[in-house]
Amino acid sequence: MWGNQDGFDRGQNGLLLAGMMIFWVAVIVVAIWLVIRLTERRPSHHIGHSGGHFEAVARGEAPKDILDRRLALGEIDAEQYSITRKLLES
């Protein structure tokens, strides 16, 4: 008698539609953010990862300086340092 036969009046239908739209917009925004976040390139914070040694050489840093820094950072031990140092000097 009052309202529509399906049990919803026009105000409830509009509210339901707005809620669904807000939900799907939020899902799409989160999906885009995740794709961007997971595919962005991040600079290496550790010299030993992702080509850091090649980048140091490209910057003009001497191989002995790179070796000294790697020892100081604990990337190599003293034995590896002395072996590599001898190879660089020969």
N, C-alpha and C. Protein backbone atom coordinates (compact mmCIF):
# COMPACT_ATOMS: atom_id res chain seq x y z
N MET A 1 0.82 -1.17 0.00
CA MET A 1 0.00 0.00 0.00
C MET A 1 0.87 1.25 0.00
N TRP A 2 1.82 1.34 0.93
CA TRP A 2 2.73 2.47 0.97
C TRP A 2 4.07 2.02 0.39
N GLY A 3 4.70 2.75 -0.51
CA GLY A 3 6.01 2.42 -1.06
C GLY A 3 5.93 1.41 -2.19
N ASN A 4 7.05 0.87 -2.55
CA ASN A 4 7.16 -0.07 -3.67
C ASN A 4 6.83 -1.49 -3.21
N GLN A 5 6.62 -2.37 -4.15
CA GLN A 5 6.27 -3.75 -3.85
C GLN A 5 7.45 -4.56 -3.34
N ASP A 6 8.70 -4.13 -3.68
CA ASP A 6 9.87 -4.91 -3.27
C ASP A 6 10.30 -4.64 -1.84
N GLY A 7 9.67 -3.76 -1.14
CA GLY A 7 9.98 -3.52 0.25
C GLY A 7 10.96 -2.38 0.48
N PHE A 8 11.54 -1.81 -0.59
CA PHE A 8 12.46 -0.68 -0.46
C PHE A 8 11.80 0.57 -0.99
N ASP A 9 12.00 1.65 -0.32
CA ASP A 9 11.53 2.90 -0.91
C ASP A 9 12.67 3.56 -1.66
N ARG A 10 12.42 4.61 -2.33
CA ARG A 10 13.42 5.23 -3.21
C ARG A 10 14.65 5.72 -2.44
N GLY A 11 14.51 6.17 -1.25
CA GLY A 11 15.64 6.63 -0.46
C GLY A 11 16.60 5.51 -0.11
N GLN A 12 16.07 4.36 0.21
CA GLN A 12 16.92 3.22 0.53
C GLN A 12 17.64 2.72 -0.71
N ASN A 13 16.99 2.72 -1.86
CA ASN A 13 17.65 2.30 -3.09
C ASN A 13 18.82 3.21 -3.43
N GLY A 14 18.63 4.49 -3.28
CA GLY A 14 19.70 5.45 -3.55
C GLY A 14 20.86 5.30 -2.59
N LEU A 15 20.56 5.07 -1.33
CA LEU A 15 21.60 4.87 -0.34
C LEU A 15 22.39 3.59 -0.61
N LEU A 16 21.69 2.53 -0.99
CA LEU A 16 22.34 1.27 -1.32
C LEU A 16 23.24 1.43 -2.54
N LEU A 17 22.75 2.12 -3.55
CA LEU A 17 23.54 2.36 -4.76
C LEU A 17 24.78 3.20 -4.45
N ALA A 18 24.64 4.24 -3.65
CA ALA A 18 25.79 5.08 -3.28
C ALA A 18 26.81 4.28 -2.47
N GLY A 19 26.34 3.44 -1.57
CA GLY A 19 27.25 2.61 -0.78
C GLY A 19 28.03 1.64 -1.65
N MET A 20 27.36 1.02 -2.63
CA MET A 20 28.06 0.10 -3.53
C MET A 20 29.09 0.83 -4.38
N MET A 21 28.74 2.02 -4.84
CA MET A 21 29.68 2.79 -5.66
C MET A 21 30.91 3.17 -4.84
N ILE A 22 30.70 3.62 -3.63
CA ILE A 22 31.83 4.00 -2.76
C ILE A 22 32.71 2.77 -2.50
N PHE A 23 32.10 1.61 -2.25
CA PHE A 23 32.85 0.39 -2.01
C PHE A 23 33.72 0.05 -3.22
N TRP A 24 33.15 0.04 -4.41
CA TRP A 24 33.92 -0.36 -5.60
C TRP A 24 34.99 0.66 -5.97
N VAL A 25 34.74 1.93 -5.76
CA VAL A 25 35.77 2.94 -5.99
C VAL A 25 36.93 2.71 -5.02
N ALA A 26 36.62 2.40 -3.77
CA ALA A 26 37.67 2.13 -2.78
C ALA A 26 38.47 0.89 -3.17
N VAL A 27 37.80 -0.16 -3.64
CA VAL A 27 38.50 -1.38 -4.06
C VAL A 27 39.45 -1.07 -5.22
N ILE A 28 38.99 -0.30 -6.20
CA ILE A 28 39.82 0.03 -7.36
C ILE A 28 41.01 0.89 -6.94
N VAL A 29 40.79 1.86 -6.07
CA VAL A 29 41.88 2.73 -5.60
C VAL A 29 42.93 1.90 -4.86
N VAL A 30 42.51 1.00 -4.01
CA VAL A 30 43.45 0.15 -3.26
C VAL A 30 44.22 -0.76 -4.23
N ALA A 31 43.54 -1.31 -5.22
CA ALA A 31 44.21 -2.18 -6.20
C ALA A 31 45.27 -1.40 -6.98
N ILE A 32 44.94 -0.21 -7.43
CA ILE A 32 45.92 0.62 -8.15
C ILE A 32 47.09 0.97 -7.26
N TRP A 33 46.81 1.33 -6.01
CA TRP A 33 47.88 1.67 -5.07
C TRP A 33 48.81 0.48 -4.85
N LEU A 34 48.23 -0.73 -4.71
CA LEU A 34 49.06 -1.92 -4.52
C LEU A 34 49.94 -2.21 -5.73
N VAL A 35 49.39 -2.08 -6.91
CA VAL A 35 50.18 -2.32 -8.12
C VAL A 35 51.34 -1.34 -8.19
N ILE A 36 51.08 -0.08 -7.94
CA ILE A 36 52.14 0.94 -7.97
C ILE A 36 53.18 0.66 -6.89
N ARG A 37 52.72 0.35 -5.71
CA ARG A 37 53.63 0.11 -4.57
C ARG A 37 54.51 -1.11 -4.80
N LEU A 38 53.96 -2.17 -5.36
CA LEU A 38 54.71 -3.40 -5.54
C LEU A 38 55.63 -3.36 -6.76
N THR A 39 55.39 -2.46 -7.69
CA THR A 39 56.22 -2.42 -8.89
C THR A 39 57.21 -1.26 -8.91
N GLU A 40 57.17 -0.39 -7.92
CA GLU A 40 58.10 0.74 -7.93
C GLU A 40 59.51 0.27 -7.63
N ARG A 41 60.47 0.94 -8.20
CA ARG A 41 61.87 0.61 -7.95
C ARG A 41 62.35 1.38 -6.73
N ARG A 42 62.95 0.65 -5.83
CA ARG A 42 63.48 1.29 -4.63
C ARG A 42 64.99 1.25 -4.68
N PRO A 43 65.66 2.32 -4.26
CA PRO A 43 67.12 2.30 -4.24
C PRO A 43 67.63 1.31 -3.20
N SER A 44 68.74 0.72 -3.51
CA SER A 44 69.33 -0.26 -2.60
C SER A 44 69.99 0.47 -1.43
N HIS A 45 69.66 0.05 -0.23
CA HIS A 45 70.27 0.65 0.96
C HIS A 45 71.52 -0.09 1.38
N HIS A 46 71.75 -1.22 0.77
CA HIS A 46 72.90 -2.04 1.12
C HIS A 46 73.74 -2.20 -0.13
N ILE A 47 75.01 -1.89 -0.02
CA ILE A 47 75.88 -1.89 -1.19
C ILE A 47 75.91 -3.26 -1.86
N GLY A 48 75.78 -4.33 -1.13
CA GLY A 48 75.92 -5.66 -1.69
C GLY A 48 74.73 -6.16 -2.47
N HIS A 49 73.66 -5.43 -2.55
CA HIS A 49 72.47 -5.92 -3.22
C HIS A 49 72.18 -5.13 -4.48
N SER A 50 71.57 -5.79 -5.44
CA SER A 50 71.04 -5.22 -6.68
C SER A 50 72.04 -4.38 -7.45
N GLY A 51 73.22 -4.91 -7.65
CA GLY A 51 74.19 -4.24 -8.50
C GLY A 51 74.87 -3.04 -7.88
N GLY A 52 74.90 -2.96 -6.58
CA GLY A 52 75.50 -1.81 -5.92
C GLY A 52 76.96 -1.60 -6.26
N HIS A 53 77.71 -2.70 -6.46
CA HIS A 53 79.13 -2.59 -6.78
C HIS A 53 79.32 -1.98 -8.16
N PHE A 54 78.50 -2.36 -9.10
CA PHE A 54 78.59 -1.81 -10.44
C PHE A 54 78.24 -0.33 -10.44
N GLU A 55 77.27 0.05 -9.62
CA GLU A 55 76.91 1.46 -9.51
C GLU A 55 78.07 2.27 -8.92
N ALA A 56 78.77 1.70 -7.94
CA ALA A 56 79.90 2.39 -7.33
C ALA A 56 81.01 2.59 -8.35
N VAL A 57 81.27 1.57 -9.17
CA VAL A 57 82.30 1.70 -10.21
C VAL A 57 81.86 2.73 -11.23
N ALA A 58 80.58 2.74 -11.58
CA ALA A 58 80.07 3.71 -12.54
C ALA A 58 80.20 5.14 -12.02
N ARG A 59 80.15 5.30 -10.70
CA ARG A 59 80.33 6.64 -10.12
C ARG A 59 81.78 7.06 -10.09
N GLY A 60 82.68 6.17 -10.49
CA GLY A 60 84.10 6.52 -10.52
C GLY A 60 84.84 6.15 -9.25
N GLU A 61 84.25 5.35 -8.41
CA GLU A 61 84.89 4.96 -7.16
C GLU A 61 85.93 3.88 -7.47
N ALA A 62 87.09 4.01 -6.87
CA ALA A 62 88.19 3.07 -7.12
C ALA A 62 87.85 1.70 -6.52
N PRO A 63 88.27 0.63 -7.18
CA PRO A 63 88.00 -0.73 -6.67
C PRO A 63 88.52 -0.95 -5.25
N LYS A 64 89.68 -0.39 -4.93
CA LYS A 64 90.21 -0.57 -3.58
C LYS A 64 89.34 0.14 -2.54
N ASP A 65 88.77 1.28 -2.92
CA ASP A 65 87.86 1.98 -2.00
C ASP A 65 86.59 1.17 -1.77
N ILE A 66 86.11 0.56 -2.83
CA ILE A 66 84.92 -0.29 -2.70
C ILE A 66 85.22 -1.47 -1.78
N LEU A 67 86.40 -2.07 -1.98
CA LEU A 67 86.80 -3.20 -1.14
C LEU A 67 86.91 -2.78 0.32
N ASP A 68 87.53 -1.63 0.57
CA ASP A 68 87.65 -1.13 1.95
C ASP A 68 86.27 -0.91 2.58
N ARG A 69 85.36 -0.33 1.81
CA ARG A 69 84.02 -0.07 2.34
C ARG A 69 83.28 -1.38 2.62
N ARG A 70 83.41 -2.36 1.74
CA ARG A 70 82.76 -3.65 1.95
C ARG A 70 83.26 -4.33 3.23
N LEU A 71 84.56 -4.20 3.50
CA LEU A 71 85.11 -4.75 4.74
C LEU A 71 84.54 -4.00 5.94
N ALA A 72 84.50 -2.69 5.84
CA ALA A 72 83.99 -1.87 6.95
C ALA A 72 82.52 -2.16 7.22
N LEU A 73 81.74 -2.46 6.19
CA LEU A 73 80.32 -2.75 6.37
C LEU A 73 80.05 -4.18 6.81
N GLY A 74 81.10 -5.00 6.80
CA GLY A 74 80.94 -6.38 7.21
C GLY A 74 80.42 -7.30 6.11
N GLU A 75 80.46 -6.82 4.87
CA GLU A 75 80.00 -7.65 3.76
C GLU A 75 80.98 -8.78 3.46
N ILE A 76 82.25 -8.55 3.73
CA ILE A 76 83.28 -9.57 3.53
C ILE A 76 84.11 -9.66 4.80
N ASP A 77 84.75 -10.79 4.98
CA ASP A 77 85.61 -10.94 6.16
C ASP A 77 87.05 -10.58 5.80
N ALA A 78 87.93 -10.61 6.79
CA ALA A 78 89.33 -10.20 6.59
C ALA A 78 90.04 -11.10 5.60
N GLU A 79 89.73 -12.38 5.62
CA GLU A 79 90.39 -13.30 4.69
C GLU A 79 90.01 -12.98 3.24
N GLN A 80 88.73 -12.78 3.00
CA GLN A 80 88.29 -12.43 1.64
C GLN A 80 88.87 -11.07 1.23
N TYR A 81 88.97 -10.15 2.19
CA TYR A 81 89.54 -8.84 1.91
C TYR A 81 90.99 -8.98 1.45
N SER A 82 91.79 -9.75 2.18
CA SER A 82 93.22 -9.87 1.82
C SER A 82 93.39 -10.58 0.47
N ILE A 83 92.59 -11.59 0.20
CA ILE A 83 92.68 -12.28 -1.08
C ILE A 83 92.34 -11.33 -2.22
N THR A 84 91.25 -10.61 -2.06
CA THR A 84 90.83 -9.70 -3.13
C THR A 84 91.81 -8.54 -3.27
N ARG A 85 92.34 -8.06 -2.17
CA ARG A 85 93.32 -6.96 -2.23
C ARG A 85 94.57 -7.39 -3.01
N LYS A 86 95.03 -8.61 -2.78
CA LYS A 86 96.19 -9.13 -3.52
C LYS A 86 95.87 -9.25 -5.01
N LEU A 87 94.67 -9.67 -5.34
CA LEU A 87 94.29 -9.76 -6.74
C LEU A 87 94.25 -8.38 -7.39
N LEU A 88 93.77 -7.40 -6.67
CA LEU A 88 93.70 -6.05 -7.22
C LEU A 88 95.09 -5.44 -7.41
N GLU A 89 96.03 -5.79 -6.54
CA GLU A 89 97.38 -5.23 -6.63
C GLU A 89 98.22 -5.91 -7.70
N SER A 90 97.83 -7.10 -8.12
CA SER A 90 98.65 -7.80 -9.14
C SER A 90 98.27 -7.41 -10.55
